Amino acid sequence: MNWDDGRLFLALARSGQMLGAARKLGINQSTLSRRVSALEADIGSTLVIRRTHGCELTPEGEALASALEQAESAIVSAQAELGGRDAEAWGTVRIGAPDGFGVAFLAPRIGALAYSHPGLAIQLVPVPRSFSLSKREADIAVMIGRPDRGQLIARKLTDYSLGLYAAPDYLDRFGVPSEAGELAEHRLVGYVEDLIYAPSLNYADEFFKGWSSAIEISSAIGQGEAVRAGAGIGVLHDYIAAGDAGLVRVLPGISVTRSYWMAYHESLKGVARVQAAAQFLTDAVKSAEAQFVVS
């Protein structure tokens, strides 16, 4: 197998798009497609299923990408020991995170990672869904709860609490509930139920067994904006909502606690760009740990 073709294929596996990978590699899309086809012919297996909006790895492609990442990791480690450029983090690292954590916490801090590692290109993907590390949707994923499948290295970042919030004008208009049962008389804001991607996000019933959302938004940040605008009472992250003058904590004696975990594929454990980003995440959360749980 031609190692250079393998390098190009690995870039495609990480990007998931022929055009995006070609741009990062500094070559045209047709050249990359031709080189990947040559690699497939050399190996005798289809590695990539080309689709209109991206590429999907076949099982053979997944296996090869994993093997190439392990080889890359070994090369990076050897170069670091010899004092080569890989002693410093360089290249592209993609971090996938829930939108609340990604937008409200990580995005304002991500510049510090770029400043400390000038050779690093950072992609932050904060969306309300889970990420597949095995399919290279992200190099590092921040998850709600500990991952229980896959060849992953996982580390707990922190616990975080959630509470009930409403806008002052909403409470002036509809009153302040004095107990959980009174929530039935209020307009409630929550997730789109059939789009909840993780069981740990289905926490509304822990605040009120009869919870029924009048307004459903499939984004934590979107729910916060709706609540702040007076749409109703919603469950919000305390580290985002606490201290916001546009929000009032409702029924402060009721709260729910969840955990953020960081994970990456074990084949990336020796890759400097991934380790730099993982250490940054760990340090950033630790320095702000007091903000995540409100008693």
C-alpha atoms as a PDB file:
ATOM      1  CA  MET A   1       0.000   0.000   0.000  1.00  0.00           C
ATOM      2  CA  ASN A   2       1.230   3.489  -0.872  1.00  0.00           C
ATOM      3  CA  TRP A   3       1.592   5.350   2.456  1.00  0.00           C
ATOM      4  CA  ASP A   4       0.895   8.704   0.818  1.00  0.00           C
ATOM      5  CA  ASP A   5      -2.426   7.364  -0.488  1.00  0.00           C
ATOM      6  CA  GLY A   6      -3.106   6.101   3.032  1.00  0.00           C
ATOM      7  CA  ARG A   7      -2.426   9.576   4.429  1.00  0.00           C
ATOM      8  CA  LEU A   8      -4.896  11.105   1.990  1.00  0.00           C
ATOM      9  CA  PHE A   9      -7.493   8.468   2.824  1.00  0.00           C
ATOM     10  CA  LEU A  10      -7.064   9.151   6.544  1.00  0.00           C
ATOM     11  CA  ALA A  11      -7.737  12.845   5.936  1.00  0.00           C
ATOM     12  CA  LEU A  12     -10.921  11.886   4.077  1.00  0.00           C
ATOM     13  CA  ALA A  13     -11.977   9.537   6.880  1.00  0.00           C
ATOM     14  CA  ARG A  14     -11.617  12.353   9.404  1.00  0.00           C
ATOM     15  CA  SER A  15     -13.356  14.967   7.286  1.00  0.00           C
ATOM     16  CA  GLY A  16     -16.219  12.845   5.976  1.00  0.00           C
ATOM     17  CA  GLN A  17     -16.298  14.969   2.825  1.00  0.00           C
ATOM     18  CA  MET A  18     -14.191  14.709  -0.312  1.00  0.00           C
ATOM     19  CA  LEU A  19     -14.167  18.466  -0.933  1.00  0.00           C
ATOM     20  CA  GLY A  20     -13.421  19.377   2.684  1.00  0.00           C
ATOM     21  CA  ALA A  21     -10.562  16.880   2.893  1.00  0.00           C
ATOM     22  CA  ALA A  22      -9.117  18.060  -0.426  1.00  0.00           C
ATOM     23  CA  ARG A  23      -9.089  21.662   0.762  1.00  0.00           C
ATOM     24  CA  LYS A  24      -7.277  20.743   3.970  1.00  0.00           C
ATOM     25  CA  LEU A  25      -4.745  18.727   2.001  1.00  0.00           C
ATOM     26  CA  GLY A  26      -4.203  21.495  -0.531  1.00  0.00           C
ATOM     27  CA  ILE A  27      -5.138  19.352  -3.539  1.00  0.00           C
ATOM     28  CA  ASN A  28      -8.153  19.343  -5.837  1.00  0.00           C
ATOM     29  CA  GLN A  29     -11.115  17.090  -5.242  1.00  0.00           C
ATOM     30  CA  SER A  30     -10.652  15.033  -8.393  1.00  0.00           C
ATOM     31  CA  THR A  31      -7.064  14.228  -7.429  1.00  0.00           C
ATOM     32  CA  LEU A  32      -8.128  13.062  -3.992  1.00  0.00           C
ATOM     33  CA  SER A  33     -10.933  10.944  -5.444  1.00  0.00           C
ATOM     34  CA  ARG A  34      -8.539   9.365  -7.925  1.00  0.00           C
ATOM     35  CA  ARG A  35      -5.967   8.594  -5.214  1.00  0.00           C
ATOM     36  CA  VAL A  36      -8.582   7.005  -2.966  1.00  0.00           C
ATOM     37  CA  SER A  37      -9.804   4.908  -5.888  1.00  0.00           C
ATOM     38  CA  ALA A  38      -6.209   3.819  -6.515  1.00  0.00           C
ATOM     39  CA  LEU A  39      -5.904   2.809  -2.867  1.00  0.00           C
ATOM     40  CA  GLU A  40      -9.120   0.791  -3.101  1.00  0.00           C
ATOM     41  CA  ALA A  41      -7.813  -0.965  -6.194  1.00  0.00           C
ATOM     42  CA  ASP A  42      -4.489  -1.645  -4.480  1.00  0.00           C
ATOM     43  CA  ILE A  43      -6.185  -3.146  -1.416  1.00  0.00           C
ATOM     44  CA  GLY A  44      -8.965  -4.843  -3.347  1.00  0.00           C
ATOM     45  CA  SER A  45     -11.789  -3.473  -1.196  1.00  0.00           C
ATOM     46  CA  THR A  46     -14.264  -0.615  -1.312  1.00  0.00           C
ATOM     47  CA  LEU A  47     -13.283   1.772   1.464  1.00  0.00           C
ATOM     48  CA  VAL A  48     -15.654   4.699   0.918  1.00  0.00           C
ATOM     49  CA  ILE A  49     -19.273   5.019  -0.139  1.00  0.00           C
ATOM     50  CA  ARG A  50     -19.555   8.328  -1.963  1.00  0.00           C
ATOM     51  CA  ARG A  51     -22.816  10.137  -1.311  1.00  0.00           C
ATOM     52  CA  THR A  52     -24.201  13.487  -2.442  1.00  0.00           C
ATOM     53  CA  HIS A  53     -23.573  15.191   0.888  1.00  0.00           C
ATOM     54  CA  GLY A  54     -20.453  13.377   2.027  1.00  0.00           C
ATOM     55  CA  CYS A  55     -18.679  10.058   2.307  1.00  0.00           C
ATOM     56  CA  GLU A  56     -19.331   7.067   4.534  1.00  0.00           C
ATOM     57  CA  LEU A  57     -16.663   4.542   5.415  1.00  0.00           C
ATOM     58  CA  THR A  58     -17.358   0.886   4.768  1.00  0.00           C
ATOM     59  CA  PRO A  59     -16.388  -1.630   7.482  1.00  0.00           C
ATOM     60  CA  GLU A  60     -13.147  -2.177   5.545  1.00  0.00           C
ATOM     61  CA  GLY A  61     -12.627   1.574   5.463  1.00  0.00           C
ATOM     62  CA  GLU A  62     -13.205   1.814   9.215  1.00  0.00           C
ATOM     63  CA  ALA A  63     -10.661  -0.936   9.825  1.00  0.00           C
ATOM     64  CA  LEU A  64      -8.060   0.714   7.598  1.00  0.00           C
ATOM     65  CA  ALA A  65      -8.614   4.151   9.129  1.00  0.00           C
ATOM     66  CA  SER A  66      -8.116   2.690  12.611  1.00  0.00           C
ATOM     67  CA  ALA A  67      -4.907   0.939  11.514  1.00  0.00           C
ATOM     68  CA  LEU A  68      -3.593   4.095   9.855  1.00  0.00           C
ATOM     69  CA  GLU A  69      -4.322   6.152  12.967  1.00  0.00           C
ATOM     70  CA  GLN A  70      -2.344   3.695  15.068  1.00  0.00           C
ATOM     71  CA  ALA A  71       0.517   3.938  12.601  1.00  0.00           C
ATOM     72  CA  GLU A  72       0.276   7.730  12.661  1.00  0.00           C
ATOM     73  CA  SER A  73       0.318   7.670  16.450  1.00  0.00           C
ATOM     74  CA  ALA A  74       3.511   5.602  16.452  1.00  0.00           C
ATOM     75  CA  ILE A  75       5.160   7.964  13.963  1.00  0.00           C
ATOM     76  CA  VAL A  76       4.118  11.024  15.969  1.00  0.00           C
ATOM     77  CA  SER A  77       5.506   9.528  19.185  1.00  0.00           C
ATOM     78  CA  ALA A  78       8.804   8.661  17.486  1.00  0.00           C
ATOM     79  CA  GLN A  79       9.155  12.137  15.997  1.00  0.00           C
ATOM     80  CA  ALA A  80       8.379  13.723  19.364  1.00  0.00           C
ATOM     81  CA  GLU A  81      11.118  11.686  21.029  1.00  0.00           C
ATOM     82  CA  LEU A  82      13.551  12.779  18.304  1.00  0.00           C
ATOM     83  CA  GLY A  83      12.572  16.420  18.733  1.00  0.00           C
ATOM     84  CA  GLY A  84      10.657  16.761  15.477  1.00  0.00           C
ATOM     85  CA  ARG A  85       7.771  19.154  14.887  1.00  0.00           C
ATOM     86  CA  ASP A  86       5.233  16.682  16.260  1.00  0.00           C
ATOM     87  CA  ALA A  87       6.590  17.389  19.724  1.00  0.00           C
ATOM     88  CA  GLU A  88       4.189  20.315  19.328  1.00  0.00           C
ATOM     89  CA  ALA A  89       0.522  19.953  18.443  1.00  0.00           C
ATOM     90  CA  TRP A  90      -0.225  20.676  14.816  1.00  0.00           C
ATOM     91  CA  GLY A  91      -2.924  19.832  12.326  1.00  0.00           C
ATOM     92  CA  THR A  92      -6.716  19.883  12.693  1.00  0.00           C
ATOM     93  CA  VAL A  93      -8.616  18.733  15.747  1.00  0.00           C
ATOM     94  CA  ARG A  94     -12.424  18.551  15.838  1.00  0.00           C
ATOM     95  CA  ILE A  95     -14.251  18.776  19.156  1.00  0.00           C
ATOM     96  CA  GLY A  96     -17.900  17.767  19.284  1.00  0.00           C
ATOM     97  CA  ALA A  97     -19.985  18.892  22.247  1.00  0.00           C
ATOM     98  CA  PRO A  98     -23.586  19.364  23.372  1.00  0.00           C
ATOM     99  CA  ASP A  99     -24.735  22.829  22.355  1.00  0.00           C
ATOM    100  CA  GLY A 100     -25.035  24.143  25.914  1.00  0.00           C
ATOM    101  CA  PHE A 101     -21.457  23.243  26.809  1.00  0.00           C
ATOM    102  CA  GLY A 102     -20.079  23.978  23.351  1.00  0.00           C
ATOM    103  CA  VAL A 103     -21.649  27.411  22.846  1.00  0.00           C
ATOM    104  CA  ALA A 104     -21.923  28.822  26.355  1.00  0.00           C
ATOM    105  CA  PHE A 105     -18.788  27.401  27.956  1.00  0.00           C
ATOM    106  CA  LEU A 106     -16.247  26.221  25.410  1.00  0.00           C
ATOM    107  CA  ALA A 107     -16.604  28.710  22.539  1.00  0.00           C
ATOM    108  CA  PRO A 108     -15.608  31.772  24.633  1.00  0.00           C
ATOM    109  CA  ARG A 109     -12.497  29.911  25.816  1.00  0.00           C
ATOM    110  CA  ILE A 110     -11.406  28.161  22.612  1.00  0.00           C
ATOM    111  CA  GLY A 111      -9.139  31.030  21.598  1.00  0.00           C
ATOM    112  CA  ALA A 112      -6.804  30.165  24.455  1.00  0.00           C
ATOM    113  CA  LEU A 113      -6.196  26.751  22.896  1.00  0.00           C
ATOM    114  CA  ALA A 114      -5.353  28.364  19.559  1.00  0.00           C
ATOM    115  CA  TYR A 115      -2.987  30.866  21.163  1.00  0.00           C
ATOM    116  CA  SER A 116      -1.139  28.189  23.120  1.00  0.00           C
ATOM    117  CA  HIS A 117      -0.795  25.912  20.063  1.00  0.00           C
ATOM    118  CA  PRO A 118      -0.300  28.089  16.949  1.00  0.00           C
ATOM    119  CA  GLY A 119       0.043  25.043  14.701  1.00  0.00           C
ATOM    120  CA  LEU A 120      -3.369  23.734  15.650  1.00  0.00           C
ATOM    121  CA  ALA A 121      -6.491  24.276  13.536  1.00  0.00           C
ATOM    122  CA  ILE A 122      -9.557  23.869  15.765  1.00  0.00           C
ATOM    123  CA  GLN A 123     -13.054  22.841  14.753  1.00  0.00           C
ATOM    124  CA  LEU A 124     -15.729  23.170  17.441  1.00  0.00           C
ATOM    125  CA  VAL A 125     -19.033  21.505  16.580  1.00  0.00           C
ATOM    126  CA  PRO A 126     -21.597  22.417  19.268  1.00  0.00           C
ATOM    127  CA  VAL A 127     -24.865  20.785  18.257  1.00  0.00           C
ATOM    128  CA  PRO A 128     -27.667  19.047  20.195  1.00  0.00           C
ATOM    129  CA  ARG A 129     -26.803  15.459  19.298  1.00  0.00           C
ATOM    130  CA  SER A 130     -24.274  12.738  20.020  1.00  0.00           C
ATOM    131  CA  PHE A 131     -21.091  12.153  18.031  1.00  0.00           C
ATOM    132  CA  SER A 132     -19.681   8.935  16.625  1.00  0.00           C
ATOM    133  CA  LEU A 133     -15.965   8.754  17.335  1.00  0.00           C
ATOM    134  CA  SER A 134     -15.638   5.482  15.431  1.00  0.00           C
ATOM    135  CA  LYS A 135     -17.020   7.188  12.309  1.00  0.00           C
ATOM    136  CA  ARG A 136     -14.616  10.135  12.749  1.00  0.00           C
ATOM    137  CA  GLU A 137     -17.398  12.684  13.260  1.00  0.00           C
ATOM    138  CA  ALA A 138     -15.127  14.202  15.912  1.00  0.00           C
ATOM    139  CA  ASP A 139     -11.654  13.604  17.325  1.00  0.00           C
ATOM    140  CA  ILE A 140     -12.850  14.413  20.834  1.00  0.00           C
ATOM    141  CA  ALA A 141     -16.442  14.271  22.035  1.00  0.00           C
ATOM    142  CA  VAL A 142     -17.895  15.799  25.166  1.00  0.00           C
ATOM    143  CA  MET A 143     -20.726  13.514  26.249  1.00  0.00           C
ATOM    144  CA  ILE A 144     -23.494  13.568  28.812  1.00  0.00           C
ATOM    145  CA  GLY A 145     -22.757  10.541  30.962  1.00  0.00           C
ATOM    146  CA  ARG A 146     -20.000   7.976  30.636  1.00  0.00           C
ATOM    147  CA  PRO A 147     -19.772   6.249  27.237  1.00  0.00           C
ATOM    148  CA  ASP A 148     -20.371   2.518  27.521  1.00  0.00           C
ATOM    149  CA  ARG A 149     -19.370   1.243  24.100  1.00  0.00           C
ATOM    150  CA  GLY A 150     -16.537   1.470  21.620  1.00  0.00           C
ATOM    151  CA  GLN A 151     -12.757   1.442  21.936  1.00  0.00           C
ATOM    152  CA  LEU A 152     -12.654   4.757  23.730  1.00  0.00           C
ATOM    153  CA  ILE A 153     -10.544   6.506  26.316  1.00  0.00           C
ATOM    154  CA  ALA A 154     -12.968   8.394  28.563  1.00  0.00           C
ATOM    155  CA  ARG A 155     -12.403  10.910  31.340  1.00  0.00           C
ATOM    156  CA  LYS A 156     -14.981  12.586  33.555  1.00  0.00           C
ATOM    157  CA  LEU A 157     -14.859  16.354  33.249  1.00  0.00           C
ATOM    158  CA  THR A 158     -17.376  17.471  35.861  1.00  0.00           C
ATOM    159  CA  ASP A 159     -20.833  17.144  37.335  1.00  0.00           C
ATOM    160  CA  TYR A 160     -23.268  19.912  36.482  1.00  0.00           C
ATOM    161  CA  SER A 161     -26.656  20.897  37.845  1.00  0.00           C
ATOM    162  CA  LEU A 162     -29.877  22.029  36.192  1.00  0.00           C
ATOM    163  CA  GLY A 163     -32.722  24.018  37.654  1.00  0.00           C
ATOM    164  CA  LEU A 164     -36.042  25.616  36.787  1.00  0.00           C
ATOM    165  CA  TYR A 165     -35.961  29.173  35.432  1.00  0.00           C
ATOM    166  CA  ALA A 166     -38.341  31.792  34.097  1.00  0.00           C
ATOM    167  CA  ALA A 167     -38.205  35.438  33.026  1.00  0.00           C
ATOM    168  CA  PRO A 168     -39.284  38.066  35.583  1.00  0.00           C
ATOM    169  CA  ASP A 169     -42.074  39.358  33.333  1.00  0.00           C
ATOM    170  CA  TYR A 170     -43.463  35.833  32.869  1.00  0.00           C
ATOM    171  CA  LEU A 171     -43.603  35.352  36.655  1.00  0.00           C
ATOM    172  CA  ASP A 172     -45.190  38.791  37.117  1.00  0.00           C
ATOM    173  CA  ARG A 173     -47.896  37.796  34.661  1.00  0.00           C
ATOM    174  CA  PHE A 174     -48.550  34.186  35.661  1.00  0.00           C
ATOM    175  CA  GLY A 175     -47.305  33.981  39.225  1.00  0.00           C
ATOM    176  CA  VAL A 176     -44.501  32.073  40.940  1.00  0.00           C
ATOM    177  CA  PRO A 177     -45.171  28.378  41.624  1.00  0.00           C
ATOM    178  CA  SER A 178     -44.677  27.430  45.270  1.00  0.00           C
ATOM    179  CA  GLU A 179     -44.509  23.666  44.680  1.00  0.00           C
ATOM    180  CA  ALA A 180     -43.842  21.274  41.817  1.00  0.00           C
ATOM    181  CA  GLY A 181     -47.526  20.405  41.357  1.00  0.00           C
ATOM    182  CA  GLU A 182     -48.300  23.995  40.393  1.00  0.00           C
ATOM    183  CA  LEU A 183     -46.121  23.623  37.286  1.00  0.00           C
ATOM    184  CA  ALA A 184     -49.163  21.969  35.675  1.00  0.00           C
ATOM    185  CA  GLU A 185     -50.750  25.415  35.580  1.00  0.00           C
ATOM    186  CA  HIS A 186     -47.807  26.976  33.726  1.00  0.00           C
ATOM    187  CA  ARG A 187     -46.496  27.035  30.201  1.00  0.00           C
ATOM    188  CA  LEU A 188     -43.453  24.750  30.174  1.00  0.00           C
ATOM    189  CA  VAL A 189     -40.479  24.770  27.800  1.00  0.00           C
ATOM    190  CA  GLY A 190     -38.554  21.558  27.065  1.00  0.00           C
ATOM    191  CA  TYR A 191     -36.961  19.282  24.487  1.00  0.00           C
ATOM    192  CA  VAL A 192     -38.725  17.882  21.439  1.00  0.00           C
ATOM    193  CA  GLU A 193     -39.452  14.540  23.043  1.00  0.00           C
ATOM    194  CA  ASP A 194     -38.890  12.235  20.083  1.00  0.00           C
ATOM    195  CA  LEU A 195     -35.572  13.967  19.273  1.00  0.00           C
ATOM    196  CA  ILE A 196     -33.979  13.432  22.677  1.00  0.00           C
ATOM    197  CA  TYR A 197     -30.781  11.603  21.733  1.00  0.00           C
ATOM    198  CA  ALA A 198     -29.650  10.517  25.202  1.00  0.00           C
ATOM    199  CA  PRO A 199     -31.750   9.108  28.081  1.00  0.00           C
ATOM    200  CA  SER A 200     -29.931  11.386  30.511  1.00  0.00           C
ATOM    201  CA  LEU A 201     -31.493  14.408  28.767  1.00  0.00           C
ATOM    202  CA  ASN A 202     -34.980  13.187  29.596  1.00  0.00           C
ATOM    203  CA  TYR A 203     -34.918  14.886  32.985  1.00  0.00           C
ATOM    204  CA  ALA A 204     -38.126  16.964  32.950  1.00  0.00           C
ATOM    205  CA  ASP A 205     -40.055  14.275  34.855  1.00  0.00           C
ATOM    206  CA  GLU A 206     -37.515  14.511  37.659  1.00  0.00           C
ATOM    207  CA  PHE A 207     -38.750  18.060  38.287  1.00  0.00           C
ATOM    208  CA  PHE A 208     -42.437  17.278  37.858  1.00  0.00           C
ATOM    209  CA  LYS A 209     -43.964  13.892  37.044  1.00  0.00           C
ATOM    210  CA  GLY A 210     -46.731  15.476  35.022  1.00  0.00           C
ATOM    211  CA  TRP A 211     -44.393  17.609  32.898  1.00  0.00           C
ATOM    212  CA  SER A 212     -45.858  18.419  29.487  1.00  0.00           C
ATOM    213  CA  SER A 213     -44.034  20.966  27.350  1.00  0.00           C
ATOM    214  CA  ALA A 214     -46.163  23.547  25.591  1.00  0.00           C
ATOM    215  CA  ILE A 215     -43.049  24.684  23.699  1.00  0.00           C
ATOM    216  CA  GLU A 216     -40.502  22.108  22.529  1.00  0.00           C
ATOM    217  CA  ILE A 217     -37.049  23.132  21.280  1.00  0.00           C
ATOM    218  CA  SER A 218     -34.353  20.600  20.424  1.00  0.00           C
ATOM    219  CA  SER A 219     -31.526  22.821  21.669  1.00  0.00           C
ATOM    220  CA  ALA A 220     -30.488  23.750  25.197  1.00  0.00           C
ATOM    221  CA  ILE A 221     -29.386  27.196  24.039  1.00  0.00           C
ATOM    222  CA  GLY A 222     -32.675  27.661  22.183  1.00  0.00           C
ATOM    223  CA  GLN A 223     -34.660  26.730  25.287  1.00  0.00           C
ATOM    224  CA  GLY A 224     -32.701  29.267  27.301  1.00  0.00           C
ATOM    225  CA  GLU A 225     -33.420  32.037  24.813  1.00  0.00           C
ATOM    226  CA  ALA A 226     -37.132  31.196  24.771  1.00  0.00           C
ATOM    227  CA  VAL A 227     -37.339  31.185  28.570  1.00  0.00           C
ATOM    228  CA  ARG A 228     -35.425  34.463  28.792  1.00  0.00           C
ATOM    229  CA  ALA A 229     -37.914  36.004  26.353  1.00  0.00           C
ATOM    230  CA  GLY A 230     -40.833  35.051  28.604  1.00  0.00           C
ATOM    231  CA  ALA A 231     -42.082  31.934  26.816  1.00  0.00           C
ATOM    232  CA  GLY A 232     -42.513  29.946  30.024  1.00  0.00           C
ATOM    233  CA  ILE A 233     -40.684  27.938  32.686  1.00  0.00           C
ATOM    234  CA  GLY A 234     -37.856  25.668  31.551  1.00  0.00           C
ATOM    235  CA  VAL A 235     -35.078  23.454  32.825  1.00  0.00           C
ATOM    236  CA  LEU A 236     -31.779  25.233  32.203  1.00  0.00           C
ATOM    237  CA  HIS A 237     -28.121  24.579  32.979  1.00  0.00           C
ATOM    238  CA  ASP A 238     -27.210  26.421  36.163  1.00  0.00           C
ATOM    239  CA  TYR A 239     -23.744  27.334  34.890  1.00  0.00           C
ATOM    240  CA  ILE A 240     -25.427  29.172  32.008  1.00  0.00           C
ATOM    241  CA  ALA A 241     -28.515  30.608  33.711  1.00  0.00           C
ATOM    242  CA  ALA A 242     -27.363  31.417  37.253  1.00  0.00           C
ATOM    243  CA  GLY A 243     -26.445  35.066  37.556  1.00  0.00           C
ATOM    244  CA  ASP A 244     -28.347  36.045  34.404  1.00  0.00           C
ATOM    245  CA  ALA A 245     -30.430  39.125  35.295  1.00  0.00           C
ATOM    246  CA  GLY A 246     -33.003  38.076  32.699  1.00  0.00           C
ATOM    247  CA  LEU A 247     -33.755  34.815  34.519  1.00  0.00           C
ATOM    248  CA  VAL A 248     -35.175  33.905  37.918  1.00  0.00           C
ATOM    249  CA  ARG A 249     -34.612  30.541  39.605  1.00  0.00           C
ATOM    250  CA  VAL A 250     -37.970  28.875  40.283  1.00  0.00           C
ATOM    251  CA  LEU A 251     -38.456  26.271  43.028  1.00  0.00           C
ATOM    252  CA  PRO A 252     -34.748  26.441  43.970  1.00  0.00           C
ATOM    253  CA  GLY A 253     -35.075  23.406  46.219  1.00  0.00           C
ATOM    254  CA  ILE A 254     -35.493  21.176  43.147  1.00  0.00           C
ATOM    255  CA  SER A 255     -32.522  20.384  40.924  1.00  0.00           C
ATOM    256  CA  VAL A 256     -31.018  17.603  38.812  1.00  0.00           C
ATOM    257  CA  THR A 257     -27.367  16.663  38.430  1.00  0.00           C
ATOM    258  CA  ARG A 258     -25.704  15.186  35.351  1.00  0.00           C
ATOM    259  CA  SER A 259     -22.090  14.639  34.278  1.00  0.00           C
ATOM    260  CA  TYR A 260     -19.950  15.682  31.335  1.00  0.00           C
ATOM    261  CA  TRP A 261     -17.424  13.159  30.062  1.00  0.00           C
ATOM    262  CA  MET A 262     -14.714  13.603  27.465  1.00  0.00           C
ATOM    263  CA  ALA A 263     -13.855  10.720  25.136  1.00  0.00           C
ATOM    264  CA  TYR A 264     -11.642   9.987  22.148  1.00  0.00           C
ATOM    265  CA  HIS A 265     -10.803   6.835  20.210  1.00  0.00           C
ATOM    266  CA  GLU A 266      -7.959   4.844  21.731  1.00  0.00           C
ATOM    267  CA  SER A 267      -6.069   4.986  18.429  1.00  0.00           C
ATOM    268  CA  LEU A 268      -5.588   8.748  19.049  1.00  0.00           C
ATOM    269  CA  LYS A 269      -3.994   8.427  22.483  1.00  0.00           C
ATOM    270  CA  GLY A 270      -0.522   9.255  21.154  1.00  0.00           C
ATOM    271  CA  VAL A 271      -1.543  12.025  18.746  1.00  0.00           C
ATOM    272  CA  ALA A 272      -0.273  15.401  19.935  1.00  0.00           C
ATOM    273  CA  ARG A 273      -3.121  17.490  18.500  1.00  0.00           C
ATOM    274  CA  VAL A 274      -5.724  15.375  20.292  1.00  0.00           C
ATOM    275  CA  GLN A 275      -3.831  15.258  23.552  1.00  0.00           C
ATOM    276  CA  ALA A 276      -3.329  19.035  23.524  1.00  0.00           C
ATOM    277  CA  ALA A 277      -7.053  19.610  23.051  1.00  0.00           C
ATOM    278  CA  ALA A 278      -7.955  16.999  25.676  1.00  0.00           C
ATOM    279  CA  GLN A 279      -5.655  18.601  28.237  1.00  0.00           C
ATOM    280  CA  PHE A 280      -7.058  22.028  27.436  1.00  0.00           C
ATOM    281  CA  LEU A 281     -10.614  20.779  27.993  1.00  0.00           C
ATOM    282  CA  THR A 282      -9.658  19.192  31.300  1.00  0.00           C
ATOM    283  CA  ASP A 283      -7.903  22.337  32.541  1.00  0.00           C
ATOM    284  CA  ALA A 284     -10.651  24.711  31.347  1.00  0.00           C
ATOM    285  CA  VAL A 285     -13.378  22.777  33.145  1.00  0.00           C
ATOM    286  CA  LYS A 286     -11.304  22.366  36.310  1.00  0.00           C
ATOM    287  CA  SER A 287     -10.623  26.094  36.519  1.00  0.00           C
ATOM    288  CA  ALA A 288     -14.377  26.814  36.337  1.00  0.00           C
ATOM    289  CA  GLU A 289     -15.581  23.807  38.311  1.00  0.00           C
ATOM    290  CA  ALA A 290     -17.374  25.861  40.956  1.00  0.00           C
ATOM    291  CA  GLN A 291     -19.726  27.249  38.304  1.00  0.00           C
ATOM    292  CA  PHE A 292     -21.093  23.895  37.220  1.00  0.00           C
ATOM    293  CA  VAL A 293     -23.001  22.822  40.320  1.00  0.00           C
ATOM    294  CA  VAL A 294     -25.310  25.280  42.080  1.00  0.00           C
ATOM    295  CA  SER A 295     -26.663  24.131  45.431  1.00  0.00           C
END
